[in-house]
Amino acid sequence: MGECWIVDPTEDEEACAAACVSVGVSLSGRVGAVLKDGMASLKPATLLGMIETARRLGSRRVEELHKKLNEVGEELGMLQESF
């Protein structure tokens, strides 16, 4: 099997997967949690690659979400620090 994976899969894609890995990432790119589900095993190098991809892409996504929350907060007259 090849060394490839899907980031942010749909429900159908997850249903077809032999294994799923969820990685919690902070705005700074720090990994806070890793959860592996499914019956298939993963090579350590594959898992580390998945975690690194999640760290890199996840911190960007968190940054985008923070920006959007701040925009919505400003529209509602809320302080940015609350996000």
Protein backbone atom coordinates (compact mmCIF):
# COMPACT_ATOMS: atom_id res chain seq x y z
CA MET A 1 0.00 0.00 0.00
CA GLY A 2 1.13 3.55 -0.66
CA GLU A 3 2.04 6.22 1.86
CA CYS A 4 -0.86 8.65 1.41
CA TRP A 5 -3.69 9.92 3.56
CA ILE A 6 -6.70 12.22 3.42
CA VAL A 7 -6.84 15.41 5.47
CA ASP A 8 -10.29 16.31 6.85
CA PRO A 9 -12.13 13.35 5.29
CA THR A 10 -15.86 13.20 4.64
CA GLU A 11 -18.02 10.72 6.57
CA ASP A 12 -18.01 8.37 3.57
CA GLU A 13 -14.21 8.51 3.30
CA GLU A 14 -13.85 7.78 7.02
CA ALA A 15 -16.28 4.86 6.73
CA CYS A 16 -14.02 3.28 4.07
CA ALA A 17 -10.78 3.83 6.00
CA ALA A 18 -9.02 0.97 7.78
CA ALA A 19 -7.60 3.50 10.27
CA CYS A 20 -8.24 7.14 11.19
CA VAL A 21 -5.95 9.51 13.06
CA SER A 22 -7.22 12.72 14.67
CA VAL A 23 -4.68 15.32 15.79
CA GLY A 24 -5.46 18.33 17.98
CA VAL A 25 -3.28 21.32 17.08
CA SER A 26 -2.97 24.77 18.67
CA LEU A 27 -2.53 28.12 16.93
CA SER A 28 1.22 27.89 17.55
CA GLY A 29 1.36 24.43 15.93
CA ARG A 30 1.70 22.53 19.18
CA VAL A 31 0.19 19.05 19.13
CA GLY A 32 -2.13 18.60 22.08
CA ALA A 33 -3.72 15.24 21.31
CA VAL A 34 -3.47 12.28 18.95
CA LEU A 35 -6.22 9.67 18.60
CA LYS A 36 -5.95 6.60 16.36
CA ASP A 37 -9.12 4.70 15.54
CA GLY A 38 -9.73 1.60 13.42
CA MET A 39 -8.30 -1.89 13.24
CA ALA A 40 -5.35 -1.26 10.88
CA SER A 41 -1.86 -0.73 12.18
CA LEU A 42 0.35 2.19 11.16
CA LYS A 43 4.10 2.27 10.72
CA PRO A 44 5.74 4.71 13.16
CA ALA A 45 7.09 6.78 10.24
CA THR A 46 3.61 7.01 8.72
CA LEU A 47 2.09 8.15 12.01
CA LEU A 48 4.83 10.75 12.47
CA GLY A 49 4.20 11.99 8.91
CA MET A 50 0.49 12.30 9.63
CA ILE A 51 1.16 14.22 12.84
CA GLU A 52 3.57 16.59 11.08
CA THR A 53 1.06 17.22 8.28
CA ALA A 54 -1.67 17.89 10.84
CA ARG A 55 0.63 20.22 12.79
CA ARG A 56 1.52 22.22 9.71
CA LEU A 57 -1.97 22.41 8.18
CA GLY A 58 -3.86 22.51 11.47
CA SER A 59 -2.12 25.59 12.82
CA ARG A 60 -2.97 27.42 9.56
CA ARG A 61 -6.61 26.34 9.87
CA VAL A 62 -6.77 27.47 13.51
CA GLU A 63 -5.35 30.84 12.46
CA GLU A 64 -8.05 31.17 9.77
CA LEU A 65 -10.74 30.31 12.31
CA HIS A 66 -9.39 32.86 14.81
CA LYS A 67 -9.46 35.57 12.13
CA LYS A 68 -13.05 34.69 11.23
CA LEU A 69 -14.11 34.67 14.89
CA ASN A 70 -12.52 38.08 15.38
CA GLU A 71 -14.35 39.44 12.31
CA VAL A 72 -17.68 38.13 13.56
CA GLY A 73 -16.89 39.38 17.08
CA GLU A 74 -16.21 42.88 15.75
CA GLU A 75 -19.49 42.81 13.83
CA LEU A 76 -21.31 41.86 17.03
CA GLY A 77 -19.42 44.41 19.10
CA MET A 78 -17.53 41.79 21.13
CA LEU A 79 -13.95 42.11 22.36
CA GLN A 80 -11.38 40.21 20.30
CA GLU A 81 -9.65 38.85 23.41
CA SER A 82 -12.67 36.66 24.12
CA PHE A 83 -11.70 34.47 21.16
